[in-house]
Amino acid sequence: MASSTARQPNILFILSDDQGPWALGCAGNQDIHTPTLDALAADGTRLENYFCVSPVCSPARASLMTGQIPSRHGVHDYLTGVEVGAQAPDYLAGQEIFTDALADHGYRMGLSGKWHLGANDAPRKGFVHWYGLEGGGSPYLGATMYRNGTREEVTDYLTDIITDDAHAFLDREAARKEPFFLTVNYTAPHKPWKGQHPKEFQDLYADCAFDSCPQEEPHPWQPTVDGVAIGGEPDVRAALVGYFAAVSAMDAAIAGLLEHLEKLGIAENTLVIFSSDNGFNCGHHGVWGKGNGTFPQNMYDSSVKVPAIFHWPGRIAAGQLRQELLSAYDVAATILDLAGLDPAPFETGPGSSFAPLLRTDSTPEAGGTADARAGNAVVVYDEYGPVRMIRTRDFKYVHRHPHGPHELYDLAADPGERMNLMHDAVAHPAVAGLRSRLAGWFAQHGVPEFDGASLPVAGAGQHSPLPAGVLGASGPDPLGAFTAPNWDGF
């Protein structure tokens, strides 16, 4: 049957879409109902300070797969344009992704749900099963899927459609001797929200006060379309009900998958990972949306932090909460390490395996990132086109090329990121060092032809790959790769 040796675990990788780090009961949210994920965290390890690489879908997902940053893999915004068929570009063509390594070592690969990295209908290397969403978003009723390249129109609730497909994969693979890797990529809780989700889950929030999502005054940088926040919906309460219902419906679906592993007798040797592609604000900071919920794009923790839970009975520590600063660019190496494979090919960039932090014999000092190996304080970095972030335990500095506005937050004194110290009359002593480290890190890990610092990325989408060998430039888009905003006032 599917892998029964601890050396080669089966891997169930579950990825949500636009789930803020605050949108879990085990993260302290008393409004939301996530009993399955709470239990998974209680029996596994949850990461409190885990960051996406870019606070928007496609570049975040590309970095998960490659272990590289947008300024090296070339995906700088969510993808639009031609996404299926012979003319659809594969944005990661020619780049090594961690699933290639798993396939090379005998894993049977499966995908159920969203891909959104171009050529969404085309199975990647080693995938014996591919059930991919046509684009990056979809209504929850009436989605278009591609089963191993063949188009299917589905009418049932999309979360259940994706889950049912994953169940079928587990049934087929459980009797085989090879280990499997199955990625279940939900669209939940990405909008649309109002009237999109099963009544039983909407009813959970009929009387909810949503204290976890205070509706602040709209952020001055928040774009609108017809007067509605770009990342939100006109009926704010219905949007909150729908967002929370989407998370709870997904939680219930995951419960079924975990029960299925138990029924098949493979739960003990299946590594289960849960995370999200990027964070989200449901009124936090006066923003509805993620990094492109504002223009210029933002790097608030609610946008760049994501949930992360790792679970493997007897192998990953139970009931553990890790506080280290970790990034999605570390995940490719970490998965290979946990699978008993060499992580080194995915440690040539910014990331490195943090598997030592997760194992049952871990200590608070175990593991680390490439920066830690170099003897530096552990930090994480983010980018979204010309917007870049360096975050240490004590400070966050956001630099916007070419002219700003820039931000500096003293996170020890101001964890809510309310007081931008760049407004102070005298430059803060931390700025020069943070700015230097930020510039040096991106020079080390990016490549000139894909460098986002001078690209006109506005958070309105990328519709073609960047031609290799062509430098970006500010101002009008010389490459024709990025969509101009059509928001109110732009």
Protein backbone atom coordinates (compact mmCIF):
# COMPACT_ATOMS: atom_id res chain seq x y z
CA MET A 1 0.00 0.00 0.00
CA ALA A 2 1.03 3.70 -0.06
CA SER A 3 4.22 4.33 1.85
CA SER A 4 4.41 2.55 5.18
CA THR A 5 8.05 3.39 5.95
CA ALA A 6 8.97 6.45 7.97
CA ARG A 7 11.80 7.14 5.54
CA GLN A 8 9.36 7.99 2.74
CA PRO A 9 6.14 9.49 4.05
CA ASN A 10 3.11 10.17 1.97
CA ILE A 11 2.53 13.91 1.78
CA LEU A 12 -0.81 15.71 1.90
CA PHE A 13 -0.23 19.40 1.24
CA ILE A 14 -3.32 21.57 1.78
CA LEU A 15 -3.27 25.17 0.63
CA SER A 16 -6.02 27.70 1.25
CA ASP A 17 -6.42 30.95 -0.68
CA ASP A 18 -6.37 34.41 0.93
CA GLN A 19 -6.52 33.16 4.51
CA GLY A 20 -5.26 35.68 7.01
CA PRO A 21 -3.04 34.47 9.86
CA TRP A 22 -5.77 35.54 12.26
CA ALA A 23 -8.43 33.28 10.63
CA LEU A 24 -7.94 30.20 12.81
CA GLY A 25 -9.32 29.33 16.21
CA CYS A 26 -5.93 28.04 17.34
CA ALA A 27 -4.44 31.43 16.45
CA GLY A 28 -6.66 33.01 19.11
CA ASN A 29 -9.69 33.94 17.00
CA GLN A 30 -12.76 33.27 19.13
CA ASP A 31 -15.19 34.12 16.33
CA ILE A 32 -14.19 31.46 13.83
CA HIS A 33 -15.07 27.74 13.85
CA THR A 34 -12.06 25.66 12.77
CA PRO A 35 -12.14 22.55 14.98
CA THR A 36 -10.28 20.33 12.51
CA LEU A 37 -7.35 22.67 11.98
CA ASP A 38 -7.25 23.49 15.69
CA ALA A 39 -6.96 19.77 16.47
CA LEU A 40 -4.32 19.31 13.77
CA ALA A 41 -2.27 22.08 15.35
CA ALA A 42 -2.75 20.62 18.84
CA ASP A 43 -1.38 17.30 17.61
CA GLY A 44 1.34 18.88 15.46
CA THR A 45 3.43 22.02 15.17
CA ARG A 46 2.05 25.45 14.33
CA LEU A 47 4.25 28.28 13.10
CA GLU A 48 3.34 31.64 14.60
CA ASN A 49 5.63 33.76 12.41
CA TYR A 50 5.48 32.20 8.96
CA PHE A 51 5.45 34.55 5.96
CA CYS A 52 4.50 34.30 2.31
CA VAL A 53 7.10 35.62 -0.14
CA SER A 54 4.72 38.04 -1.85
CA PRO A 55 1.30 39.10 -0.55
CA VAL A 56 -0.60 38.03 -3.66
CA CYS A 57 -1.47 34.67 -5.15
CA SER A 58 0.68 33.71 -8.15
CA PRO A 59 4.08 35.04 -7.04
CA ALA A 60 3.52 33.53 -3.59
CA ARG A 61 2.72 30.15 -5.14
CA ALA A 62 5.66 30.35 -7.54
CA SER A 63 7.98 30.96 -4.59
CA LEU A 64 6.49 28.00 -2.71
CA MET A 65 7.26 25.74 -5.65
CA THR A 66 10.73 27.05 -6.53
CA GLY A 67 12.14 28.26 -3.22
CA GLN A 68 13.06 31.46 -5.06
CA ILE A 69 11.81 35.05 -4.96
CA PRO A 70 9.78 36.83 -7.65
CA SER A 71 12.88 38.72 -8.74
CA ARG A 72 14.35 35.36 -9.76
CA HIS A 73 11.35 33.34 -10.99
CA GLY A 74 9.72 36.30 -12.78
CA VAL A 75 6.13 36.04 -11.49
CA HIS A 76 5.38 39.42 -9.92
CA ASP A 77 1.58 39.66 -9.77
CA TYR A 78 -1.48 37.45 -9.95
CA LEU A 79 -1.76 35.96 -13.43
CA THR A 80 -4.39 36.93 -15.97
CA GLY A 81 -4.72 36.51 -19.74
CA VAL A 82 -4.63 33.12 -21.47
CA GLU A 83 -4.44 30.47 -18.74
CA VAL A 84 -5.40 27.20 -20.47
CA GLY A 85 -4.93 25.67 -23.89
CA ALA A 86 -2.08 25.55 -26.36
CA GLN A 87 -1.39 29.30 -26.14
CA ALA A 88 -1.23 29.44 -22.35
CA PRO A 89 2.29 30.15 -21.08
CA ASP A 90 3.81 28.06 -18.31
CA TYR A 91 5.35 30.74 -16.09
CA LEU A 92 7.67 28.24 -14.40
CA ALA A 93 8.86 26.55 -17.59
CA GLY A 94 12.52 25.61 -17.31
CA GLN A 95 12.63 26.21 -13.56
CA GLU A 96 13.13 23.43 -11.04
CA ILE A 97 10.22 22.98 -8.62
CA PHE A 98 10.24 20.78 -5.57
CA THR A 99 7.60 18.43 -6.94
CA ASP A 100 10.09 17.53 -9.71
CA ALA A 101 12.45 16.24 -7.04
CA LEU A 102 9.71 14.22 -5.37
CA ALA A 103 8.73 12.69 -8.72
CA ASP A 104 12.36 11.85 -9.45
CA HIS A 105 12.47 9.90 -6.18
CA GLY A 106 9.44 7.74 -6.87
CA TYR A 107 6.55 9.81 -5.57
CA ARG A 108 3.26 9.62 -7.43
CA MET A 109 1.96 13.15 -7.73
CA GLY A 110 -1.57 14.50 -7.64
CA LEU A 111 -3.22 17.94 -7.70
CA SER A 112 -6.80 18.77 -6.79
CA GLY A 113 -7.77 22.45 -7.09
CA LYS A 114 -6.06 25.70 -7.95
CA TRP A 115 -2.66 26.00 -9.66
CA HIS A 116 -2.63 29.55 -11.11
CA LEU A 117 0.93 29.48 -12.43
CA GLY A 118 0.05 29.34 -16.10
CA ALA A 119 -1.05 26.43 -18.30
CA ASN A 120 -3.44 25.49 -15.52
CA ASP A 121 -4.84 22.56 -17.50
CA ALA A 122 -1.48 20.84 -18.11
CA PRO A 123 -0.16 18.25 -15.62
CA ARG A 124 3.38 18.95 -14.44
CA LYS A 125 6.24 16.47 -14.29
CA GLY A 126 5.41 13.29 -12.41
CA PHE A 127 1.74 14.15 -11.86
CA VAL A 128 -0.37 11.06 -12.47
CA HIS A 129 -3.46 13.08 -11.60
CA TRP A 130 -4.28 16.71 -12.37
CA TYR A 131 -7.62 18.32 -11.56
CA GLY A 132 -6.95 22.01 -11.97
CA LEU A 133 -9.09 25.13 -11.76
CA GLU A 134 -9.24 27.05 -15.02
CA GLY A 135 -8.02 30.37 -13.62
CA GLY A 136 -7.11 32.02 -10.37
CA GLY A 137 -10.61 32.68 -9.06
CA SER A 138 -14.09 31.28 -9.49
CA PRO A 139 -17.59 31.38 -8.10
CA TYR A 140 -18.14 28.55 -5.66
CA LEU A 141 -21.09 27.32 -7.73
CA GLY A 142 -20.37 26.84 -11.42
CA ALA A 143 -16.60 26.43 -11.71
CA THR A 144 -14.57 25.24 -14.68
CA MET A 145 -12.04 22.49 -13.99
CA TYR A 146 -9.58 20.53 -16.13
CA ARG A 147 -9.16 16.82 -15.44
CA ASN A 148 -5.83 15.77 -16.95
CA GLY A 149 -6.33 18.34 -19.69
CA THR A 150 -10.04 17.75 -20.32
CA ARG A 151 -12.46 20.55 -19.51
CA GLU A 152 -15.27 19.93 -17.00
CA GLU A 153 -18.05 22.26 -15.95
CA VAL A 154 -19.06 21.57 -12.35
CA THR A 155 -22.15 22.84 -10.56
CA ASP A 156 -21.71 21.69 -6.96
CA TYR A 157 -19.96 23.64 -4.21
CA LEU A 158 -16.34 24.04 -5.30
CA THR A 159 -14.77 23.20 -1.93
CA ASP A 160 -16.62 19.87 -1.98
CA ILE A 161 -15.76 19.26 -5.65
CA ILE A 162 -12.04 19.65 -4.91
CA THR A 163 -12.33 17.48 -1.78
CA ASP A 164 -14.23 14.70 -3.55
CA ASP A 165 -11.52 14.57 -6.18
CA ALA A 166 -8.86 14.32 -3.48
CA HIS A 167 -10.75 11.43 -1.85
CA ALA A 168 -10.78 9.57 -5.15
CA PHE A 169 -7.02 10.05 -5.50
CA LEU A 170 -6.45 8.65 -2.01
CA ASP A 171 -8.59 5.62 -2.78
CA ARG A 172 -6.64 4.90 -5.96
CA GLU A 173 -3.21 5.42 -4.46
CA ALA A 174 -3.59 3.74 -1.07
CA ALA A 175 -3.06 0.26 -2.50
CA ARG A 176 0.16 1.13 -4.31
CA LYS A 177 3.64 0.59 -2.91
CA GLU A 178 4.95 4.02 -3.94
CA PRO A 179 4.49 7.05 -1.70
CA PHE A 180 2.23 9.83 -2.93
CA PHE A 181 2.25 13.61 -2.85
CA LEU A 182 -1.22 15.15 -3.08
CA THR A 183 -1.69 18.91 -3.07
CA VAL A 184 -5.25 20.00 -2.30
CA ASN A 185 -5.47 23.65 -3.31
CA TYR A 186 -8.74 25.20 -2.18
CA THR A 187 -10.08 28.51 -3.42
CA ALA A 188 -11.53 29.13 0.04
CA PRO A 189 -11.78 31.68 1.52
CA HIS A 190 -11.11 33.79 -1.62
CA LYS A 191 -14.10 35.87 -2.67
CA PRO A 192 -16.91 35.81 -3.78
CA TRP A 193 -18.54 35.55 -0.37
CA LYS A 194 -22.16 36.70 -0.21
CA GLY A 195 -24.60 33.89 -0.90
CA GLN A 196 -21.85 31.52 -2.06
CA HIS A 197 -21.50 29.11 0.85
CA PRO A 198 -23.64 26.34 2.38
CA LYS A 199 -26.30 27.53 4.78
CA GLU A 200 -25.06 25.30 7.60
CA PHE A 201 -21.77 27.19 7.65
CA GLN A 202 -23.27 30.64 7.13
CA ASP A 203 -25.60 29.95 10.04
CA LEU A 204 -22.59 29.54 12.34
CA TYR A 205 -22.08 33.30 12.01
CA ALA A 206 -25.64 34.57 12.01
CA ASP A 207 -25.16 36.32 15.35
CA CYS A 208 -21.39 36.81 15.21
CA ALA A 209 -20.10 40.23 16.26
CA PHE A 210 -16.86 39.71 14.27
CA ASP A 211 -14.77 41.29 16.97
CA SER A 212 -11.74 39.74 15.28
CA CYS A 213 -12.31 41.96 12.23
CA PRO A 214 -12.84 45.52 13.41
CA GLN A 215 -14.02 47.70 10.54
CA GLU A 216 -11.67 50.65 10.76
CA GLU A 217 -11.80 53.82 8.73
CA PRO A 218 -10.87 53.01 5.12
CA HIS A 219 -7.15 53.15 4.51
CA PRO A 220 -6.25 56.25 2.47
CA TRP A 221 -4.47 54.04 -0.09
CA GLN A 222 -7.37 51.62 -0.57
CA PRO A 223 -8.54 51.60 -4.22
CA THR A 224 -12.24 51.30 -4.97
CA VAL A 225 -14.37 50.24 -7.91
CA ASP A 226 -17.77 51.92 -8.00
CA GLY A 227 -17.07 53.04 -4.46
CA VAL A 228 -16.40 49.52 -3.11
CA ALA A 229 -13.00 48.47 -1.75
CA ILE A 230 -11.08 46.61 -4.46
CA GLY A 231 -10.68 43.54 -2.25
CA GLY A 232 -14.13 43.58 -0.69
CA GLU A 233 -17.85 43.46 -1.47
CA PRO A 234 -20.61 46.06 -1.04
CA ASP A 235 -22.34 44.23 1.83
CA VAL A 236 -19.59 44.12 4.45
CA ARG A 237 -21.43 41.98 6.98
CA ALA A 238 -22.42 39.45 4.32
CA ALA A 239 -18.80 39.40 3.16
CA LEU A 240 -17.63 38.61 6.69
CA VAL A 241 -20.22 35.85 7.04
CA GLY A 242 -19.15 34.41 3.69
CA TYR A 243 -15.42 34.63 4.41
CA PHE A 244 -15.79 32.89 7.75
CA ALA A 245 -18.23 30.33 6.33
CA ALA A 246 -15.76 29.53 3.56
CA VAL A 247 -13.06 28.79 6.13
CA SER A 248 -15.38 26.62 8.21
CA ALA A 249 -16.62 24.68 5.17
CA MET A 250 -13.01 24.02 4.19
CA ASP A 251 -12.22 22.94 7.76
CA ALA A 252 -15.03 20.40 7.61
CA ALA A 253 -13.78 19.14 4.25
CA ILE A 254 -10.28 18.68 5.66
CA ALA A 255 -11.78 16.65 8.50
CA GLY A 256 -13.06 14.19 5.93
CA LEU A 257 -9.64 13.89 4.31
CA LEU A 258 -7.93 13.22 7.63
CA GLU A 259 -10.55 10.61 8.51
CA HIS A 260 -9.96 9.01 5.12
CA LEU A 261 -6.24 8.67 5.85
CA GLU A 262 -7.14 6.89 9.09
CA LYS A 263 -9.60 4.59 7.33
CA LEU A 264 -6.98 3.67 4.73
CA GLY A 265 -4.45 2.89 7.46
CA ILE A 266 -1.89 5.41 6.24
CA ALA A 267 -2.36 8.33 8.64
CA GLU A 268 0.64 7.36 10.77
CA ASN A 269 2.98 7.75 7.83
CA THR A 270 1.44 10.74 6.10
CA LEU A 271 2.96 14.17 6.51
CA VAL A 272 0.11 16.70 6.51
CA ILE A 273 0.90 20.35 5.87
CA PHE A 274 -1.66 23.15 5.96
CA SER A 275 -1.00 26.73 4.91
CA SER A 276 -2.26 29.57 2.73
CA ASP A 277 -0.79 31.33 -0.29
CA ASN A 278 -0.96 34.84 1.22
CA GLY A 279 -2.61 36.70 4.06
CA PHE A 280 -5.71 38.87 4.00
CA ASN A 281 -7.34 41.87 5.68
CA CYS A 282 -11.05 41.90 6.41
CA GLY A 283 -11.08 45.47 7.65
CA HIS A 284 -7.73 45.25 9.42
CA HIS A 285 -5.84 48.52 8.96
CA GLY A 286 -8.93 49.78 7.16
CA VAL A 287 -8.16 47.44 4.24
CA TRP A 288 -10.17 44.78 2.45
CA GLY A 289 -7.73 42.61 0.54
CA LYS A 290 -4.13 41.50 0.67
CA GLY A 291 -0.99 43.26 -0.62
CA ASN A 292 -2.92 44.81 -3.48
CA GLY A 293 -5.72 45.87 -1.15
CA THR A 294 -3.88 49.19 -1.20
CA PHE A 295 -2.01 51.16 -3.85
CA PRO A 296 0.86 51.40 -3.40
CA GLN A 297 0.86 47.81 -2.23
CA ASN A 298 1.14 47.09 1.51
CA MET A 299 3.27 44.76 3.62
CA TYR A 300 1.22 44.65 6.81
CA ASP A 301 1.66 41.46 8.82
CA SER A 302 -1.99 40.61 8.14
CA SER A 303 -1.08 40.53 4.43
CA VAL A 304 2.29 38.80 4.57
CA LYS A 305 1.81 36.32 7.42
CA VAL A 306 -0.07 33.08 6.75
CA PRO A 307 -1.22 30.10 8.80
CA ALA A 308 1.13 27.10 8.84
CA ILE A 309 0.62 23.70 10.51
CA PHE A 310 2.85 20.61 10.13
CA HIS A 311 1.64 17.22 11.34
CA TRP A 312 3.24 13.77 11.22
CA PRO A 313 2.57 11.42 14.16
CA GLY A 314 5.71 10.48 16.02
CA ARG A 315 7.94 12.49 13.71
CA ILE A 316 6.79 16.10 14.15
CA ALA A 317 6.44 17.42 17.67
CA ALA A 318 2.88 17.53 18.97
CA GLY A 319 1.44 20.61 20.63
CA GLN A 320 4.38 22.76 19.60
CA LEU A 321 4.21 26.46 18.72
CA ARG A 322 7.29 27.85 16.99
CA GLN A 323 8.00 31.57 17.11
CA GLU A 324 10.94 31.72 14.69
CA LEU A 325 10.68 33.95 11.62
CA LEU A 326 10.23 31.56 8.69
CA SER A 327 9.27 32.01 5.07
CA ALA A 328 7.57 30.14 2.27
CA TYR A 329 10.87 30.24 0.38
CA ASP A 330 12.05 27.72 3.02
CA VAL A 331 9.24 25.23 2.37
CA ALA A 332 10.55 23.42 -0.73
CA ALA A 333 13.73 22.43 1.09
CA THR A 334 11.81 21.59 4.26
CA ILE A 335 9.43 19.19 2.49
CA LEU A 336 12.31 17.37 0.81
CA ASP A 337 14.17 17.16 4.12
CA LEU A 338 11.13 15.72 5.91
CA ALA A 339 10.73 13.22 3.06
CA GLY A 340 14.27 11.97 3.64
CA LEU A 341 15.63 13.61 0.50
CA ASP A 342 18.45 16.06 -0.04
CA PRO A 343 17.17 19.64 0.42
CA ALA A 344 20.36 21.21 -0.94
CA PRO A 345 19.12 21.86 -4.51
CA PHE A 346 16.47 24.14 -3.02
CA GLU A 347 18.87 25.87 -0.65
CA THR A 348 20.82 27.65 -3.38
CA GLY A 349 18.54 30.66 -3.05
CA PRO A 350 17.27 32.42 0.07
CA GLY A 351 15.58 29.44 1.70
CA SER A 352 16.72 26.47 3.73
CA SER A 353 15.07 23.59 5.51
CA PHE A 354 13.53 24.26 8.89
CA ALA A 355 12.72 20.56 9.38
CA PRO A 356 14.91 20.45 12.54
CA LEU A 357 12.48 22.87 14.17
CA LEU A 358 9.60 20.49 13.57
CA ARG A 359 10.96 17.13 14.57
CA THR A 360 10.08 15.52 17.88
CA ASP A 361 13.62 16.06 19.17
CA SER A 362 13.65 19.75 18.27
CA THR A 363 14.77 22.46 20.66
CA PRO A 364 14.06 26.20 20.57
CA GLU A 365 17.54 26.75 19.14
CA ALA A 366 17.34 24.07 16.45
CA GLY A 367 17.16 24.78 12.76
CA GLY A 368 17.28 28.17 11.15
CA THR A 369 17.47 29.83 7.77
CA ALA A 370 20.24 30.75 5.39
CA ASP A 371 20.72 33.99 7.32
CA ALA A 372 21.11 32.05 10.55
CA ARG A 373 23.74 29.79 8.97
CA ALA A 374 25.62 32.92 7.95
CA GLY A 375 25.69 34.05 11.54
CA ASN A 376 23.24 36.90 11.09
CA ALA A 377 20.03 37.65 12.96
CA VAL A 378 17.18 35.72 11.40
CA VAL A 379 15.00 37.90 9.20
CA VAL A 380 12.42 37.45 6.47
CA TYR A 381 11.94 39.37 3.27
CA ASP A 382 9.00 40.04 0.96
CA GLU A 383 8.47 41.74 -2.37
CA TYR A 384 5.58 42.83 -4.53
CA GLY A 385 6.89 44.48 -7.68
CA PRO A 386 8.69 47.67 -6.60
CA VAL A 387 7.67 47.24 -2.93
CA ARG A 388 10.10 45.37 -0.67
CA MET A 389 10.18 44.46 2.99
CA ILE A 390 12.74 43.38 5.54
CA ARG A 391 11.37 42.18 8.88
CA THR A 392 13.34 41.31 11.97
CA ARG A 393 11.88 40.48 15.36
CA ASP A 394 12.04 44.13 16.36
CA PHE A 395 11.62 46.14 13.16
CA LYS A 396 9.89 46.14 9.81
CA TYR A 397 11.18 48.36 7.02
CA VAL A 398 9.21 48.72 3.76
CA HIS A 399 10.95 50.32 0.78
CA ARG A 400 9.04 51.46 -2.29
CA HIS A 401 11.09 52.01 -5.43
CA PRO A 402 11.86 54.52 -6.75
CA HIS A 403 10.73 57.29 -4.40
CA GLY A 404 8.63 55.82 -1.58
CA PRO A 405 6.68 56.33 0.57
CA HIS A 406 8.73 54.13 2.90
CA GLU A 407 7.70 52.70 6.27
CA LEU A 408 9.48 51.74 9.49
CA TYR A 409 7.76 50.10 12.44
CA ASP A 410 9.19 49.33 15.86
CA LEU A 411 7.40 46.02 16.32
CA ALA A 412 8.40 45.63 19.94
CA ALA A 413 6.66 48.88 20.87
CA ASP A 414 4.10 48.91 18.06
CA PRO A 415 3.15 45.34 17.03
CA GLY A 416 0.02 46.63 15.29
CA GLU A 417 2.08 48.70 12.81
CA ARG A 418 0.35 51.98 13.60
CA MET A 419 3.24 54.41 13.97
CA ASN A 420 5.31 54.89 10.83
CA LEU A 421 8.66 56.12 12.17
CA MET A 422 9.68 57.37 8.74
CA HIS A 423 7.47 60.37 9.51
CA ASP A 424 9.76 61.37 12.37
CA ALA A 425 11.79 64.52 11.86
CA VAL A 426 15.04 62.71 12.64
CA ALA A 427 15.95 59.50 10.80
CA HIS A 428 15.70 56.44 13.03
CA PRO A 429 19.10 54.82 13.65
CA ALA A 430 17.82 51.44 12.40
CA VAL A 431 16.95 52.67 8.90
CA ALA A 432 20.39 52.74 7.32
CA GLY A 433 21.26 49.20 8.36
CA LEU A 434 17.90 47.74 7.36
CA ARG A 435 17.98 49.52 4.01
CA SER A 436 21.49 48.26 3.30
CA ARG A 437 20.64 44.68 4.20
CA LEU A 438 17.50 44.81 2.09
CA ALA A 439 19.37 46.04 -0.98
CA GLY A 440 22.16 43.52 -0.53
CA TRP A 441 19.80 40.59 -0.09
CA PHE A 442 17.83 41.33 -3.24
CA ALA A 443 21.05 41.87 -5.19
CA GLN A 444 22.19 38.44 -4.01
CA HIS A 445 18.99 36.50 -4.68
CA GLY A 446 17.43 38.27 -7.67
CA VAL A 447 18.48 38.40 -11.30
CA PRO A 448 18.55 41.64 -13.30
CA GLU A 449 16.14 40.52 -16.03
CA PHE A 450 13.42 39.65 -13.51
CA ASP A 451 14.15 42.34 -10.91
CA GLY A 452 10.85 43.80 -9.74
CA ALA A 453 12.22 47.07 -8.37
CA SER A 454 11.70 48.96 -11.64
CA LEU A 455 8.70 47.07 -12.99
CA PRO A 456 5.30 48.82 -13.17
CA VAL A 457 3.55 46.24 -10.98
CA ALA A 458 0.40 47.91 -9.66
CA GLY A 459 -1.43 44.91 -8.20
CA ALA A 460 -3.80 44.71 -11.18
CA GLY A 461 -2.38 41.52 -12.70
CA GLN A 462 0.37 40.10 -14.93
CA HIS A 463 -0.75 38.74 -18.30
CA SER A 464 2.49 37.54 -19.91
CA PRO A 465 5.89 36.24 -18.84
CA LEU A 466 8.84 38.61 -18.66
CA PRO A 467 11.13 38.04 -21.64
CA ALA A 468 14.48 36.75 -20.41
CA GLY A 469 17.27 39.24 -20.89
CA VAL A 470 15.02 42.31 -21.01
CA LEU A 471 15.35 44.76 -18.14
CA GLY A 472 12.27 46.32 -16.61
CA ALA A 473 11.80 50.05 -16.49
CA SER A 474 9.61 52.42 -14.52
CA GLY A 475 6.84 54.41 -16.14
CA PRO A 476 4.87 52.97 -19.06
CA ASP A 477 5.16 49.20 -19.21
CA PRO A 478 7.85 48.47 -21.81
CA LEU A 479 7.21 44.74 -21.71
CA GLY A 480 3.41 44.77 -21.93
CA ALA A 481 3.30 42.27 -19.09
CA PHE A 482 1.35 44.14 -16.43
CA THR A 483 -2.22 45.37 -16.32
CA ALA A 484 -2.90 49.04 -15.69
CA PRO A 485 -5.30 49.79 -12.82
CA ASN A 486 -8.94 50.56 -13.61
CA TRP A 487 -9.89 51.65 -10.11
CA ASP A 488 -11.90 54.71 -9.23
CA GLY A 489 -9.69 57.76 -9.57
CA PHE A 490 -6.96 56.02 -11.60
